[in-house]
Amino acid sequence: MITIKRLSQCTLEDAVVAWNKGFEGYYFDMTTTVDFFTRRLILEGLSPSLSVIAYDDERPVGIILNGIRLINGKKVSWNGGTGVDPEYRGKGVGKKLIEAVLAIYEVEGVEVATLEAVKENVKAISLYEKVGYKIVDELVHLQHTGELSKDAFLSDNNCYTYKKGIPIDAMQAPFYKALVPWQTQWSNARDGESILALDENKNVVGYAIFKRLFNEEGTLQSIILFQCEAEPSHLLKEDIVRNLLSMVYKTTSQPVVRTAANISMLNNILRELLEKEGFNVKAEQVFMIK
């Protein structure tokens, strides 16, 4: 008999077993350990008391991780991963997990529920649609390894000043995008950086949120871009984005890994600039909202 428990009522060892079995044979390796699992809960704002594990007697056979944030005055939830043990797939375990999660959302007063799903995972997408989720955007994860070309993101117009700061500073932009995939929100880059592009009147006309990752010796390993936007009605949107990308990615000439996480397919300027400079598609997802 399948029972559902809150993760806060379970051991971390059971959670890791449920996660690793739940994502067995997935599109990319999701294997974790207790230490990495715990770290992810903290870094991504996921809550054990809002997350659930499915058991068959004492055996953990499925899991959904959840987090809730206040965004634009509304309670917004995020499904940070739904996994079911291969032996239990197609037997209604996923549906039971989702029903339990939706009941938690109702108790918590969640107004907007969000998640991302791998574009190829049509079975999962279909299940989410049956309980009321709708696809609102398509996302692409881009990556570049090696050195950038000398003239990468070169712009003919650089009539702006730039202000470096922390991720929350991006909210100064009137056009800041708050309801975006969870992992690209400023809250998920708390130890990251931001750059604001200012016009001659000191108005914010563009922003970028990113993070640089270093190894234990202090050597830069990778640069992850979370958001890069220009004021939608600005005549020189492409130049603003070019300049921001140059400041984010060209801080080093070393062959580090450069990533753009969950970029909206609707952001044509950003996507096309990155692809032109040799950024390759590593994954495609859909962004769903209920």
Protein backbone atom coordinates (compact mmCIF):
# COMPACT_ATOMS: atom_id res chain seq x y z
CA MET A 1 0.00 0.00 0.00
CA ILE A 2 1.32 3.43 -0.99
CA THR A 3 1.47 6.06 1.74
CA ILE A 4 2.64 9.67 1.47
CA LYS A 5 4.75 11.34 4.15
CA ARG A 6 6.26 14.80 4.51
CA LEU A 7 10.01 14.76 3.98
CA SER A 8 10.35 16.40 7.41
CA GLN A 9 8.97 13.17 8.89
CA CYS A 10 11.49 11.00 7.05
CA THR A 11 15.23 10.41 7.16
CA LEU A 12 17.58 12.11 4.74
CA GLU A 13 18.78 8.65 3.74
CA ASP A 14 15.24 7.72 2.62
CA ALA A 15 14.94 11.00 0.72
CA VAL A 16 18.19 10.33 -1.15
CA VAL A 17 17.11 6.75 -1.97
CA ALA A 18 13.77 8.05 -3.28
CA TRP A 19 15.54 10.74 -5.33
CA ASN A 20 18.20 8.49 -6.85
CA LYS A 21 15.72 5.72 -7.71
CA GLY A 22 13.14 8.26 -8.85
CA PHE A 23 15.52 9.75 -11.41
CA GLU A 24 17.07 6.47 -12.51
CA GLY A 25 17.30 6.42 -16.32
CA TYR A 26 16.55 10.16 -16.52
CA TYR A 27 17.67 12.40 -19.38
CA PHE A 28 20.76 13.44 -17.42
CA ASP A 29 22.49 12.21 -14.30
CA MET A 30 20.61 13.40 -11.18
CA THR A 31 22.37 11.12 -8.69
CA THR A 32 23.01 12.77 -5.33
CA THR A 33 24.32 12.10 -1.82
CA VAL A 34 23.03 13.14 1.59
CA ASP A 35 25.49 16.06 1.70
CA PHE A 36 24.67 17.33 -1.80
CA PHE A 37 20.95 16.78 -1.27
CA THR A 38 21.00 18.83 1.94
CA ARG A 39 23.01 21.57 0.28
CA ARG A 40 20.52 21.77 -2.58
CA LEU A 41 17.57 22.12 -0.21
CA ILE A 42 19.25 25.13 1.39
CA LEU A 43 20.59 26.81 -1.76
CA GLU A 44 17.36 26.48 -3.74
CA GLY A 45 14.95 27.35 -0.94
CA LEU A 46 13.32 23.90 -0.84
CA SER A 47 11.37 22.94 2.27
CA PRO A 48 11.32 19.48 3.91
CA SER A 49 7.96 20.30 5.49
CA LEU A 50 6.44 21.07 2.07
CA SER A 51 8.09 18.16 0.23
CA VAL A 52 6.76 14.60 0.13
CA ILE A 53 7.97 11.01 -0.17
CA ALA A 54 5.89 8.02 -1.28
CA TYR A 55 6.41 4.72 0.53
CA ASP A 56 5.42 1.16 -0.26
CA ASP A 57 5.43 -0.13 3.32
CA GLU A 58 8.97 0.91 4.43
CA ARG A 59 10.38 1.33 0.94
CA PRO A 60 10.73 4.91 -0.42
CA VAL A 61 9.46 4.80 -4.01
CA GLY A 62 8.82 8.41 -5.03
CA ILE A 63 9.52 12.02 -4.14
CA ILE A 64 8.54 15.62 -4.89
CA LEU A 65 10.56 18.55 -3.56
CA ASN A 66 8.81 21.89 -3.01
CA GLY A 67 9.51 25.47 -2.12
CA ILE A 68 7.31 28.55 -1.63
CA ARG A 69 8.23 32.21 -2.08
CA LEU A 70 6.37 35.52 -2.04
CA ILE A 71 6.63 37.03 -5.54
CA ASN A 72 4.85 40.25 -6.50
CA GLY A 73 2.70 39.88 -3.39
CA LYS A 74 1.59 36.34 -4.23
CA LYS A 75 2.56 32.99 -2.75
CA VAL A 76 4.35 31.09 -5.52
CA SER A 77 5.36 27.45 -5.25
CA TRP A 78 7.95 25.47 -7.18
CA ASN A 79 8.07 21.74 -7.81
CA GLY A 80 11.83 21.16 -7.60
CA GLY A 81 11.73 17.59 -8.87
CA THR A 82 9.27 14.72 -9.22
CA GLY A 83 10.73 11.22 -9.33
CA VAL A 84 9.25 7.73 -9.14
CA ASP A 85 11.11 4.43 -8.74
CA PRO A 86 11.19 2.63 -12.15
CA GLU A 87 9.39 -0.39 -10.67
CA TYR A 88 6.48 1.82 -9.64
CA ARG A 89 6.08 4.00 -12.72
CA GLY A 90 2.73 3.79 -14.46
CA LYS A 91 1.06 2.60 -11.25
CA GLY A 92 -0.37 5.90 -10.05
CA VAL A 93 2.42 6.81 -7.61
CA GLY A 94 3.20 10.05 -9.44
CA LYS A 95 -0.46 11.04 -9.38
CA LYS A 96 -0.70 10.37 -5.62
CA LEU A 97 2.41 12.49 -5.01
CA ILE A 98 1.06 15.40 -7.07
CA GLU A 99 -2.35 15.22 -5.38
CA ALA A 100 -0.63 15.35 -1.98
CA VAL A 101 1.45 18.35 -3.08
CA LEU A 102 -1.58 20.24 -4.44
CA ALA A 103 -3.33 19.67 -1.10
CA ILE A 104 -0.30 21.18 0.67
CA TYR A 105 -0.38 24.16 -1.70
CA GLU A 106 -4.05 24.75 -0.86
CA VAL A 107 -3.39 24.67 2.89
CA GLU A 108 -0.43 27.03 2.47
CA GLY A 109 -2.46 29.49 0.41
CA VAL A 110 -0.38 29.12 -2.74
CA GLU A 111 -1.79 31.26 -5.56
CA VAL A 112 0.60 30.29 -8.37
CA ALA A 113 2.21 26.86 -8.76
CA THR A 114 5.22 26.51 -11.08
CA LEU A 115 7.53 23.80 -12.38
CA GLU A 116 9.85 22.97 -15.23
CA ALA A 117 9.76 19.70 -17.17
CA VAL A 118 12.14 18.28 -19.75
CA LYS A 119 10.58 18.98 -23.15
CA GLU A 120 10.94 15.34 -24.23
CA ASN A 121 9.21 14.03 -21.10
CA VAL A 122 5.74 13.99 -22.65
CA LYS A 123 4.30 11.60 -20.04
CA ALA A 124 5.20 13.93 -17.16
CA ILE A 125 3.95 16.98 -19.06
CA SER A 126 0.66 15.21 -19.78
CA LEU A 127 0.23 14.34 -16.08
CA TYR A 128 0.86 17.95 -15.06
CA GLU A 129 -1.62 19.20 -17.65
CA LYS A 130 -4.29 16.83 -16.31
CA VAL A 131 -4.09 18.52 -12.89
CA GLY A 132 -4.27 22.02 -14.32
CA TYR A 133 -0.74 23.10 -15.23
CA LYS A 134 -0.25 24.89 -18.56
CA ILE A 135 2.88 25.46 -20.61
CA VAL A 136 3.62 29.19 -20.61
CA ASP A 137 7.15 29.18 -22.03
CA GLU A 138 9.87 27.01 -23.52
CA LEU A 139 13.37 27.15 -22.06
CA VAL A 140 16.84 26.37 -23.31
CA HIS A 141 20.00 25.67 -21.31
CA LEU A 142 23.07 26.86 -23.24
CA GLN A 143 26.74 26.18 -22.57
CA HIS A 144 30.13 27.20 -23.97
CA THR A 145 33.45 25.56 -23.14
CA GLY A 146 36.84 26.89 -24.16
CA GLU A 147 37.82 30.44 -25.03
CA LEU A 148 35.52 33.10 -26.41
CA SER A 149 36.51 34.86 -29.61
CA LYS A 150 38.28 38.20 -29.19
CA ASP A 151 35.32 40.12 -30.65
CA ALA A 152 32.61 38.18 -28.83
CA PHE A 153 29.57 40.37 -28.00
CA LEU A 154 31.31 43.39 -29.56
CA SER A 155 28.98 46.39 -29.77
CA ASP A 156 29.17 49.61 -31.77
CA ASN A 157 27.17 51.47 -29.16
CA ASN A 158 28.35 51.65 -25.57
CA CYS A 159 26.88 54.90 -24.33
CA TYR A 160 25.91 53.53 -20.94
CA THR A 161 27.38 53.41 -17.49
CA TYR A 162 27.36 50.22 -15.47
CA LYS A 163 26.79 49.55 -11.82
CA LYS A 164 27.92 46.28 -10.27
CA GLY A 165 26.12 44.89 -7.26
CA ILE A 166 24.28 41.94 -5.80
CA PRO A 167 21.40 39.99 -7.43
CA ILE A 168 18.56 41.76 -5.57
CA ASP A 169 19.72 45.06 -7.15
CA ALA A 170 18.22 43.86 -10.43
CA MET A 171 14.80 44.50 -8.95
CA GLN A 172 15.52 48.22 -9.40
CA ALA A 173 14.68 47.71 -13.08
CA PRO A 174 10.98 48.48 -13.68
CA PHE A 175 10.98 45.62 -16.20
CA TYR A 176 12.61 43.08 -13.86
CA LYS A 177 11.15 39.64 -14.52
CA ALA A 178 10.09 38.12 -11.20
CA LEU A 179 7.88 35.22 -12.28
CA VAL A 180 10.51 33.21 -14.12
CA PRO A 181 11.81 29.67 -13.56
CA TRP A 182 12.74 29.29 -9.88
CA GLN A 183 16.45 28.71 -10.41
CA THR A 184 16.85 31.93 -12.41
CA GLN A 185 15.26 34.20 -9.80
CA TRP A 186 17.54 36.55 -7.88
CA SER A 187 16.91 34.51 -4.70
CA ASN A 188 18.73 31.56 -6.24
CA ALA A 189 21.84 33.66 -6.86
CA ARG A 190 22.22 35.12 -3.38
CA ASP A 191 26.00 34.69 -3.49
CA GLY A 192 26.08 35.90 -7.10
CA GLU A 193 26.43 39.28 -8.77
CA SER A 194 24.46 41.75 -10.85
CA ILE A 195 25.19 44.45 -13.38
CA LEU A 196 22.83 47.33 -14.13
CA ALA A 197 23.08 49.29 -17.38
CA LEU A 198 22.21 52.98 -16.86
CA ASP A 199 21.43 55.62 -19.50
CA GLU A 200 22.52 59.25 -19.33
CA ASN A 201 19.61 60.01 -16.98
CA LYS A 202 20.65 57.18 -14.64
CA ASN A 203 17.60 55.14 -15.61
CA VAL A 204 18.07 51.36 -15.59
CA VAL A 205 17.87 50.14 -19.20
CA GLY A 206 19.27 46.65 -18.70
CA TYR A 207 20.38 44.15 -16.09
CA ALA A 208 22.18 40.84 -15.74
CA ILE A 209 22.20 38.37 -12.85
CA PHE A 210 25.04 35.84 -12.77
CA LYS A 211 27.30 33.79 -10.56
CA ARG A 212 30.99 32.92 -10.74
CA LEU A 213 32.07 29.58 -9.26
CA PHE A 214 35.59 29.00 -7.96
CA ASN A 215 37.41 25.87 -6.82
CA GLU A 216 39.10 25.49 -3.43
CA GLU A 217 42.29 27.06 -4.78
CA GLY A 218 40.37 30.17 -5.83
CA THR A 219 40.54 29.41 -9.55
CA LEU A 220 37.51 30.43 -11.60
CA GLN A 221 35.73 27.32 -12.90
CA SER A 222 32.49 28.53 -14.41
CA ILE A 223 30.19 31.49 -15.00
CA ILE A 224 26.42 30.98 -14.86
CA LEU A 225 24.02 33.55 -16.30
CA PHE A 226 20.54 33.55 -14.74
CA GLN A 227 18.91 36.57 -16.38
CA CYS A 228 19.90 39.20 -18.93
CA GLU A 229 17.28 41.70 -20.02
CA ALA A 230 17.05 45.06 -21.75
CA GLU A 231 14.25 47.60 -21.39
CA PRO A 232 11.61 46.16 -23.78
CA SER A 233 10.86 49.39 -25.67
CA HIS A 234 14.48 50.57 -25.94
CA LEU A 235 15.72 51.15 -29.50
CA LEU A 236 19.16 49.69 -28.73
CA LYS A 237 18.11 46.52 -26.90
CA GLU A 238 20.65 44.34 -28.69
CA ASP A 239 23.55 46.65 -27.87
CA ILE A 240 22.54 46.71 -24.20
CA VAL A 241 22.44 42.92 -24.09
CA ARG A 242 25.76 42.66 -25.96
CA ASN A 243 27.48 44.94 -23.47
CA LEU A 244 26.04 43.10 -20.47
CA LEU A 245 27.08 39.71 -21.87
CA SER A 246 30.58 41.01 -22.48
CA MET A 247 30.84 42.17 -18.86
CA VAL A 248 29.50 38.85 -17.54
CA TYR A 249 31.43 36.41 -19.69
CA LYS A 250 34.63 38.23 -20.66
CA THR A 251 35.99 38.84 -17.16
CA THR A 252 38.56 36.14 -17.94
CA SER A 253 40.33 34.84 -21.02
CA GLN A 254 40.65 31.40 -19.46
CA PRO A 255 38.72 28.47 -20.99
CA VAL A 256 36.09 28.26 -18.24
CA VAL A 257 32.60 26.78 -18.61
CA ARG A 258 30.11 29.50 -19.50
CA THR A 259 26.44 28.66 -18.98
CA ALA A 260 23.11 30.39 -19.59
CA ALA A 261 20.46 28.67 -17.47
CA ASN A 262 16.84 28.25 -18.54
CA ILE A 263 16.79 31.04 -21.10
CA SER A 264 13.33 31.80 -22.48
CA MET A 265 12.91 30.92 -26.14
CA LEU A 266 10.98 34.21 -26.38
CA ASN A 267 14.18 36.13 -25.55
CA ASN A 268 15.36 36.03 -29.16
CA ILE A 269 18.11 38.63 -28.82
CA LEU A 270 19.83 36.89 -25.93
CA ARG A 271 19.47 33.39 -27.36
CA GLU A 272 20.70 34.34 -30.82
CA LEU A 273 23.71 36.26 -29.48
CA LEU A 274 24.76 33.30 -27.36
CA GLU A 275 24.29 30.75 -30.11
CA LYS A 276 26.24 32.96 -32.55
CA GLU A 277 29.19 32.87 -30.13
CA GLY A 278 29.20 29.07 -29.98
CA PHE A 279 26.96 28.36 -27.01
CA ASN A 280 25.42 24.92 -27.52
CA VAL A 281 22.07 23.58 -26.36
CA LYS A 282 22.53 21.22 -23.39
CA ALA A 283 18.86 20.81 -22.42
CA GLU A 284 15.37 22.02 -23.35
CA GLN A 285 12.50 22.38 -20.91
CA VAL A 286 8.99 23.76 -20.66
CA PHE A 287 7.91 26.22 -17.96
CA MET A 288 4.49 25.34 -16.57
CA ILE A 289 2.12 27.29 -14.31
CA LYS A 290 -1.10 26.34 -12.50
